[in-house]
Each structure stands twice: as structure tokens, then as C-alpha cells.
Amino acid sequence: MSATIGIEEAQVRLKDLIAGLGPGDEIVITDQDHPVARILPTTKKQPVLGSCKGMLTIVEDDDEHLEDFKEYMP
């Protein structure tokens, strides 16, 4: 969807305009019929919670690695 909207209307409806954006959509904001800005959806994917589950193992009985950090410990 490509839409053109005046700056005054965009100020009133900004939250709804952003919420309605989909992939490939574009909203052109105009001031006195001249384009001044574009609103585009982000292309960055949102992280999926839990996607790294099982990638880290914590070994409780391993104090050997702490020897390197003794000077920093209380």
C-alpha cells in the first residue's frame, strides 16, 4: 500500500498509521502538497523469545575457571 497524507492528519493518526504498515507499504507525508517524509516498516526481524533455549550449559561444580578472576573477587 502506498498512501499520501497531509502532515496535520498524520499528527492526529500517527499511531494508527504505523500500526497499519505491512511489508512493502509506504506512507508519504506532505506539507502544502510537497512530500516532506516517508514512513516505512522496519525490515529488521523481531527476536523470538526462547530461540536460544538449550544453547548454554551451566556447570555448577566447575570452579577451575574462577582462578583467573580471583583478584576481582571479594
PDB file of N, CA and C in Angstrom:
ATOM      1  N   MET A   1       0.849  -1.181   0.000  1.00  0.00           N
ATOM      2  CA  MET A   1       0.000   0.000   0.000  1.00  0.00           C
ATOM      3  C   MET A   1       0.892   1.241   0.000  1.00  0.00           C
ATOM      4  N   SER A   2       0.583   2.147  -0.847  1.00  0.00           N
ATOM      5  CA  SER A   2       1.262   3.431  -0.857  1.00  0.00           C
ATOM      6  C   SER A   2       0.198   4.496  -0.674  1.00  0.00           C
ATOM      7  N   ALA A   3       0.399   5.354   0.303  1.00  0.00           N
ATOM      8  CA  ALA A   3      -0.599   6.380   0.597  1.00  0.00           C
ATOM      9  C   ALA A   3       0.101   7.712   0.804  1.00  0.00           C
ATOM     10  N   THR A   4      -0.623   8.778   0.529  1.00  0.00           N
ATOM     11  CA  THR A   4      -0.140  10.132   0.768  1.00  0.00           C
ATOM     12  C   THR A   4      -1.094  10.789   1.749  1.00  0.00           C
ATOM     13  N   ILE A   5      -0.526  11.461   2.732  1.00  0.00           N
ATOM     14  CA  ILE A   5      -1.339  12.066   3.781  1.00  0.00           C
ATOM     15  C   ILE A   5      -0.728  13.399   4.194  1.00  0.00           C
ATOM     16  N   GLY A   6      -1.567  14.349   4.515  1.00  0.00           N
ATOM     17  CA  GLY A   6      -1.086  15.656   4.963  1.00  0.00           C
ATOM     18  C   GLY A   6      -0.498  15.576   6.359  1.00  0.00           C
ATOM     19  N   ILE A   7       0.402  16.488   6.661  1.00  0.00           N
ATOM     20  CA  ILE A   7       1.114  16.456   7.937  1.00  0.00           C
ATOM     21  C   ILE A   7       0.176  16.621   9.137  1.00  0.00           C
ATOM     22  N   GLU A   8      -0.863  17.433   8.984  1.00  0.00           N
ATOM     23  CA  GLU A   8      -1.794  17.639  10.098  1.00  0.00           C
ATOM     24  C   GLU A   8      -2.550  16.348  10.419  1.00  0.00           C
ATOM     25  N   GLU A   9      -3.019  15.666   9.375  1.00  0.00           N
ATOM     26  CA  GLU A   9      -3.730  14.404   9.589  1.00  0.00           C
ATOM     27  C   GLU A   9      -2.785  13.329  10.119  1.00  0.00           C
ATOM     28  N   ALA A  10      -1.547  13.332   9.645  1.00  0.00           N
ATOM     29  CA  ALA A  10      -0.562  12.360  10.110  1.00  0.00           C
ATOM     30  C   ALA A  10      -0.293  12.529  11.602  1.00  0.00           C
ATOM     31  N   GLN A  11      -0.260  13.772  12.086  1.00  0.00           N
ATOM     32  CA  GLN A  11      -0.044  14.010  13.509  1.00  0.00           C
ATOM     33  C   GLN A  11      -1.172  13.426  14.349  1.00  0.00           C
ATOM     34  N   VAL A  12      -2.375  13.515  13.857  1.00  0.00           N
ATOM     35  CA  VAL A  12      -3.537  13.007  14.587  1.00  0.00           C
ATOM     36  C   VAL A  12      -3.584  11.483  14.544  1.00  0.00           C
ATOM     37  N   ARG A  13      -3.224  10.882  13.415  1.00  0.00           N
ATOM     38  CA  ARG A  13      -3.402   9.441  13.200  1.00  0.00           C
ATOM     39  C   ARG A  13      -2.098   8.638  13.210  1.00  0.00           C
ATOM     40  N   LEU A  14      -1.003   9.213  13.695  1.00  0.00           N
ATOM     41  CA  LEU A  14       0.308   8.579  13.562  1.00  0.00           C
ATOM     42  C   LEU A  14       0.343   7.155  14.108  1.00  0.00           C
ATOM     43  N   LYS A  15      -0.179   6.939  15.297  1.00  0.00           N
ATOM     44  CA  LYS A  15      -0.145   5.604  15.897  1.00  0.00           C
ATOM     45  C   LYS A  15      -0.879   4.585  15.015  1.00  0.00           C
ATOM     46  N   ASP A  16      -2.042   4.945  14.500  1.00  0.00           N
ATOM     47  CA  ASP A  16      -2.801   4.042  13.640  1.00  0.00           C
ATOM     48  C   ASP A  16      -2.102   3.816  12.300  1.00  0.00           C
ATOM     49  N   LEU A  17      -1.486   4.863  11.768  1.00  0.00           N
ATOM     50  CA  LEU A  17      -0.769   4.722  10.502  1.00  0.00           C
ATOM     51  C   LEU A  17       0.384   3.725  10.634  1.00  0.00           C
ATOM     52  N   ILE A  18       1.135   3.842  11.718  1.00  0.00           N
ATOM     53  CA  ILE A  18       2.265   2.945  11.947  1.00  0.00           C
ATOM     54  C   ILE A  18       1.775   1.518  12.173  1.00  0.00           C
ATOM     55  N   ALA A  19       0.720   1.365  12.959  1.00  0.00           N
ATOM     56  CA  ALA A  19       0.190   0.032  13.252  1.00  0.00           C
ATOM     57  C   ALA A  19      -0.323  -0.667  11.992  1.00  0.00           C
ATOM     58  N   GLY A  20      -0.766   0.094  11.021  1.00  0.00           N
ATOM     59  CA  GLY A  20      -1.314  -0.484   9.806  1.00  0.00           C
ATOM     60  C   GLY A  20      -0.302  -0.793   8.727  1.00  0.00           C
ATOM     61  N   LEU A  21       0.973  -0.456   8.963  1.00  0.00           N
ATOM     62  CA  LEU A  21       2.002  -0.711   7.953  1.00  0.00           C
ATOM     63  C   LEU A  21       2.290  -2.195   7.820  1.00  0.00           C
ATOM     64  N   GLY A  22       2.413  -2.636   6.614  1.00  0.00           N
ATOM     65  CA  GLY A  22       2.803  -4.015   6.340  1.00  0.00           C
ATOM     66  C   GLY A  22       4.041  -4.022   5.469  1.00  0.00           C
ATOM     67  N   PRO A  23       4.586  -5.195   5.189  1.00  0.00           N
ATOM     68  CA  PRO A  23       5.772  -5.280   4.326  1.00  0.00           C
ATOM     69  C   PRO A  23       5.498  -4.627   2.969  1.00  0.00           C
ATOM     70  N   GLY A  24       6.393  -3.770   2.548  1.00  0.00           N
ATOM     71  CA  GLY A  24       6.265  -3.110   1.253  1.00  0.00           C
ATOM     72  C   GLY A  24       5.385  -1.868   1.262  1.00  0.00           C
ATOM     73  N   ASP A  25       4.753  -1.570   2.401  1.00  0.00           N
ATOM     74  CA  ASP A  25       3.905  -0.380   2.488  1.00  0.00           C
ATOM     75  C   ASP A  25       4.745   0.877   2.641  1.00  0.00           C
ATOM     76  N   GLU A  26       4.151   1.986   2.272  1.00  0.00           N
ATOM     77  CA  GLU A  26       4.831   3.279   2.379  1.00  0.00           C
ATOM     78  C   GLU A  26       3.770   4.354   2.570  1.00  0.00           C
ATOM     79  N   ILE A  27       4.040   5.279   3.465  1.00  0.00           N
ATOM     80  CA  ILE A  27       3.159   6.434   3.645  1.00  0.00           C
ATOM     81  C   ILE A  27       4.006   7.681   3.421  1.00  0.00           C
ATOM     82  N   VAL A  28       3.575   8.519   2.499  1.00  0.00           N
ATOM     83  CA  VAL A  28       4.277   9.772   2.208  1.00  0.00           C
ATOM     84  C   VAL A  28       3.525  10.888   2.923  1.00  0.00           C
ATOM     85  N   ILE A  29       4.254  11.644   3.727  1.00  0.00           N
ATOM     86  CA  ILE A  29       3.657  12.775   4.449  1.00  0.00           C
ATOM     87  C   ILE A  29       3.985  14.052   3.684  1.00  0.00           C
ATOM     88  N   THR A  30       2.948  14.848   3.463  1.00  0.00           N
ATOM     89  CA  THR A  30       3.133  16.079   2.698  1.00  0.00           C
ATOM     90  C   THR A  30       2.828  17.297   3.561  1.00  0.00           C
ATOM     91  N   ASP A  31       3.474  18.394   3.207  1.00  0.00           N
ATOM     92  CA  ASP A  31       3.202  19.698   3.823  1.00  0.00           C
ATOM     93  C   ASP A  31       2.989  20.670   2.672  1.00  0.00           C
ATOM     94  N   GLN A  32       1.795  21.194   2.569  1.00  0.00           N
ATOM     95  CA  GLN A  32       1.395  22.079   1.472  1.00  0.00           C
ATOM     96  C   GLN A  32       1.642  21.401   0.120  1.00  0.00           C
ATOM     97  N   ASP A  33       1.215  20.155   0.031  1.00  0.00           N
ATOM     98  CA  ASP A  33       1.311  19.336  -1.179  1.00  0.00           C
ATOM     99  C   ASP A  33       2.727  18.994  -1.617  1.00  0.00           C
ATOM    100  N   HIS A  34       3.717  19.206  -0.752  1.00  0.00           N
ATOM    101  CA  HIS A  34       5.104  18.820  -1.055  1.00  0.00           C
ATOM    102  C   HIS A  34       5.504  17.686  -0.120  1.00  0.00           C
ATOM    103  N   PRO A  35       6.043  16.603  -0.664  1.00  0.00           N
ATOM    104  CA  PRO A  35       6.472  15.496   0.206  1.00  0.00           C
ATOM    105  C   PRO A  35       7.595  15.935   1.144  1.00  0.00           C
ATOM    106  N   VAL A  36       7.436  15.622   2.425  1.00  0.00           N
ATOM    107  CA  VAL A  36       8.456  16.005   3.407  1.00  0.00           C
ATOM    108  C   VAL A  36       9.007  14.806   4.177  1.00  0.00           C
ATOM    109  N   ALA A  37       8.284  13.674   4.164  1.00  0.00           N
ATOM    110  CA  ALA A  37       8.753  12.499   4.906  1.00  0.00           C
ATOM    111  C   ALA A  37       8.079  11.244   4.368  1.00  0.00           C
ATOM    112  N   ARG A  38       8.712  10.099   4.672  1.00  0.00           N
ATOM    113  CA  ARG A  38       8.131   8.804   4.338  1.00  0.00           C
ATOM    114  C   ARG A  38       8.146   7.936   5.591  1.00  0.00           C
ATOM    115  N   ILE A  39       7.104   7.165   5.763  1.00  0.00           N
ATOM    116  CA  ILE A  39       7.060   6.183   6.838  1.00  0.00           C
ATOM    117  C   ILE A  39       7.110   4.816   6.178  1.00  0.00           C
ATOM    118  N   LEU A  40       8.108   4.019   6.566  1.00  0.00           N
ATOM    119  CA  LEU A  40       8.298   2.686   6.024  1.00  0.00           C
ATOM    120  C   LEU A  40       8.349   1.688   7.172  1.00  0.00           C
ATOM    121  N   PRO A  41       7.900   0.462   6.949  1.00  0.00           N
ATOM    122  CA  PRO A  41       8.034  -0.545   8.003  1.00  0.00           C
ATOM    123  C   PRO A  41       9.493  -0.950   8.154  1.00  0.00           C
ATOM    124  N   THR A  42       9.860  -1.385   9.336  1.00  0.00           N
ATOM    125  CA  THR A  42      11.233  -1.839   9.535  1.00  0.00           C
ATOM    126  C   THR A  42      11.418  -3.181   8.846  1.00  0.00           C
ATOM    127  N   THR A  43      12.628  -3.439   8.432  1.00  0.00           N
ATOM    128  CA  THR A  43      12.933  -4.718   7.805  1.00  0.00           C
ATOM    129  C   THR A  43      13.626  -5.642   8.797  1.00  0.00           C
ATOM    130  N   LYS A  44      13.951  -5.112   9.965  1.00  0.00           N
ATOM    131  CA  LYS A  44      14.614  -5.897  10.992  1.00  0.00           C
ATOM    132  C   LYS A  44      13.617  -6.852  11.633  1.00  0.00           C
ATOM    133  N   LYS A  45      13.972  -8.113  11.701  1.00  0.00           N
ATOM    134  CA  LYS A  45      13.100  -9.098  12.310  1.00  0.00           C
ATOM    135  C   LYS A  45      13.157  -8.967  13.826  1.00  0.00           C
ATOM    136  N   GLN A  46      12.026  -9.136  14.451  1.00  0.00           N
ATOM    137  CA  GLN A  46      11.948  -9.103  15.903  1.00  0.00           C
ATOM    138  C   GLN A  46      12.477 -10.424  16.461  1.00  0.00           C
ATOM    139  N   PRO A  47      13.225 -10.369  17.569  1.00  0.00           N
ATOM    140  CA  PRO A  47      13.737 -11.611  18.139  1.00  0.00           C
ATOM    141  C   PRO A  47      12.594 -12.486  18.659  1.00  0.00           C
ATOM    142  N   VAL A  48      12.794 -13.772  18.542  1.00  0.00           N
ATOM    143  CA  VAL A  48      11.804 -14.725  19.035  1.00  0.00           C
ATOM    144  C   VAL A  48      12.245 -15.168  20.423  1.00  0.00           C
ATOM    145  N   LEU A  49      11.409 -14.912  21.409  1.00  0.00           N
ATOM    146  CA  LEU A  49      11.754 -15.293  22.770  1.00  0.00           C
ATOM    147  C   LEU A  49      11.914 -16.802  22.870  1.00  0.00           C
ATOM    148  N   GLY A  50      12.982 -17.214  23.535  1.00  0.00           N
ATOM    149  CA  GLY A  50      13.234 -18.635  23.714  1.00  0.00           C
ATOM    150  C   GLY A  50      13.980 -19.288  22.568  1.00  0.00           C
ATOM    151  N   SER A  51      14.399 -18.522  21.563  1.00  0.00           N
ATOM    152  CA  SER A  51      15.049 -19.117  20.398  1.00  0.00           C
ATOM    153  C   SER A  51      16.456 -19.637  20.707  1.00  0.00           C
ATOM    154  N   CYS A  52      17.045 -19.236  21.809  1.00  0.00           N
ATOM    155  CA  CYS A  52      18.388 -19.703  22.183  1.00  0.00           C
ATOM    156  C   CYS A  52      18.337 -20.770  23.272  1.00  0.00           C
ATOM    157  N   LYS A  53      17.151 -21.237  23.573  1.00  0.00           N
ATOM    158  CA  LYS A  53      16.991 -22.242  24.619  1.00  0.00           C
ATOM    159  C   LYS A  53      17.830 -23.479  24.292  1.00  0.00           C
ATOM    160  N   GLY A  54      18.582 -23.925  25.288  1.00  0.00           N
ATOM    161  CA  GLY A  54      19.417 -25.110  25.118  1.00  0.00           C
ATOM    162  C   GLY A  54      20.798 -24.819  24.559  1.00  0.00           C
ATOM    163  N   MET A  55      21.122 -23.570  24.281  1.00  0.00           N
ATOM    164  CA  MET A  55      22.422 -23.237  23.703  1.00  0.00           C
ATOM    165  C   MET A  55      23.487 -22.965  24.763  1.00  0.00           C
ATOM    166  N   LEU A  56      23.097 -22.852  26.027  1.00  0.00           N
ATOM    167  CA  LEU A  56      24.027 -22.534  27.103  1.00  0.00           C
ATOM    168  C   LEU A  56      23.938 -23.617  28.164  1.00  0.00           C
ATOM    169  N   THR A  57      25.091 -24.090  28.583  1.00  0.00           N
ATOM    170  CA  THR A  57      25.137 -25.087  29.641  1.00  0.00           C
ATOM    171  C   THR A  57      25.897 -24.502  30.815  1.00  0.00           C
ATOM    172  N   ILE A  58      25.296 -24.529  31.982  1.00  0.00           N
ATOM    173  CA  ILE A  58      25.938 -24.029  33.188  1.00  0.00           C
ATOM    174  C   ILE A  58      26.361 -25.232  34.018  1.00  0.00           C
ATOM    175  N   VAL A  59      27.659 -25.304  34.280  1.00  0.00           N
ATOM    176  CA  VAL A  59      28.203 -26.396  35.072  1.00  0.00           C
ATOM    177  C   VAL A  59      28.455 -25.862  36.476  1.00  0.00           C
ATOM    178  N   GLU A  60      27.750 -26.388  37.449  1.00  0.00           N
ATOM    179  CA  GLU A  60      27.819 -25.877  38.814  1.00  0.00           C
ATOM    180  C   GLU A  60      29.108 -26.250  39.526  1.00  0.00           C
ATOM    181  N   ASP A  61      29.672 -27.413  39.250  1.00  0.00           N
ATOM    182  CA  ASP A  61      30.821 -27.911  40.005  1.00  0.00           C
ATOM    183  C   ASP A  61      32.159 -27.499  39.408  1.00  0.00           C
ATOM    184  N   ASP A  62      32.185 -26.521  38.542  1.00  0.00           N
ATOM    185  CA  ASP A  62      33.416 -26.128  37.867  1.00  0.00           C
ATOM    186  C   ASP A  62      33.925 -24.808  38.441  1.00  0.00           C
ATOM    187  N   ASP A  63      34.835 -24.891  39.412  1.00  0.00           N
ATOM    188  CA  ASP A  63      35.422 -23.683  39.999  1.00  0.00           C
ATOM    189  C   ASP A  63      36.775 -23.346  39.390  1.00  0.00           C
ATOM    190  N   GLU A  64      37.284 -24.224  38.548  1.00  0.00           N
ATOM    191  CA  GLU A  64      38.606 -24.028  37.961  1.00  0.00           C
ATOM    192  C   GLU A  64      38.680 -22.734  37.140  1.00  0.00           C
ATOM    193  N   HIS A  65      37.648 -22.440  36.389  1.00  0.00           N
ATOM    194  CA  HIS A  65      37.665 -21.234  35.553  1.00  0.00           C
ATOM    195  C   HIS A  65      37.671 -19.949  36.387  1.00  0.00           C
ATOM    196  N   LEU A  66      37.284 -20.023  37.650  1.00  0.00           N
ATOM    197  CA  LEU A  66      37.252 -18.838  38.509  1.00  0.00           C
ATOM    198  C   LEU A  66      38.641 -18.412  38.971  1.00  0.00           C
ATOM    199  N   GLU A  67      39.633 -19.284  38.840  1.00  0.00           N
ATOM    200  CA  GLU A  67      41.000 -18.959  39.259  1.00  0.00           C
ATOM    201  C   GLU A  67      41.516 -17.703  38.566  1.00  0.00           C
ATOM    202  N   ASP A  68      41.137 -17.494  37.308  1.00  0.00           N
ATOM    203  CA  ASP A  68      41.595 -16.326  36.552  1.00  0.00           C
ATOM    204  C   ASP A  68      40.992 -15.022  37.067  1.00  0.00           C
ATOM    205  N   PHE A  69      39.926 -15.117  37.845  1.00  0.00           N
ATOM    206  CA  PHE A  69      39.219 -13.920  38.300  1.00  0.00           C
ATOM    207  C   PHE A  69      39.361 -13.679  39.806  1.00  0.00           C
ATOM    208  N   LYS A  70      40.272 -14.388  40.451  1.00  0.00           N
ATOM    209  CA  LYS A  70      40.425 -14.273  41.909  1.00  0.00           C
ATOM    210  C   LYS A  70      40.718 -12.852  42.360  1.00  0.00           C
ATOM    211  N   GLU A  71      41.517 -12.148  41.609  1.00  0.00           N
ATOM    212  CA  GLU A  71      41.879 -10.778  42.007  1.00  0.00           C
ATOM    213  C   GLU A  71      40.691  -9.820  41.968  1.00  0.00           C
ATOM    214  N   TYR A  72      39.641 -10.164  41.265  1.00  0.00           N
ATOM    215  CA  TYR A  72      38.467  -9.323  41.173  1.00  0.00           C
ATOM    216  C   TYR A  72      37.382  -9.710  42.177  1.00  0.00           C
ATOM    217  N   MET A  73      37.545 -10.841  42.832  1.00  0.00           N
ATOM    218  CA  MET A  73      36.526 -11.339  43.749  1.00  0.00           C
ATOM    219  C   MET A  73      36.722 -10.767  45.150  1.00  0.00           C
ATOM    220  N   PRO A  74      35.628 -10.572  45.856  1.00  0.00           N
ATOM    221  CA  PRO A  74      35.746 -10.043  47.242  1.00  0.00           C
ATOM    222  C   PRO A  74      36.332 -11.070  48.190  1.00  0.00           C
TER     223      PRO A  74
END
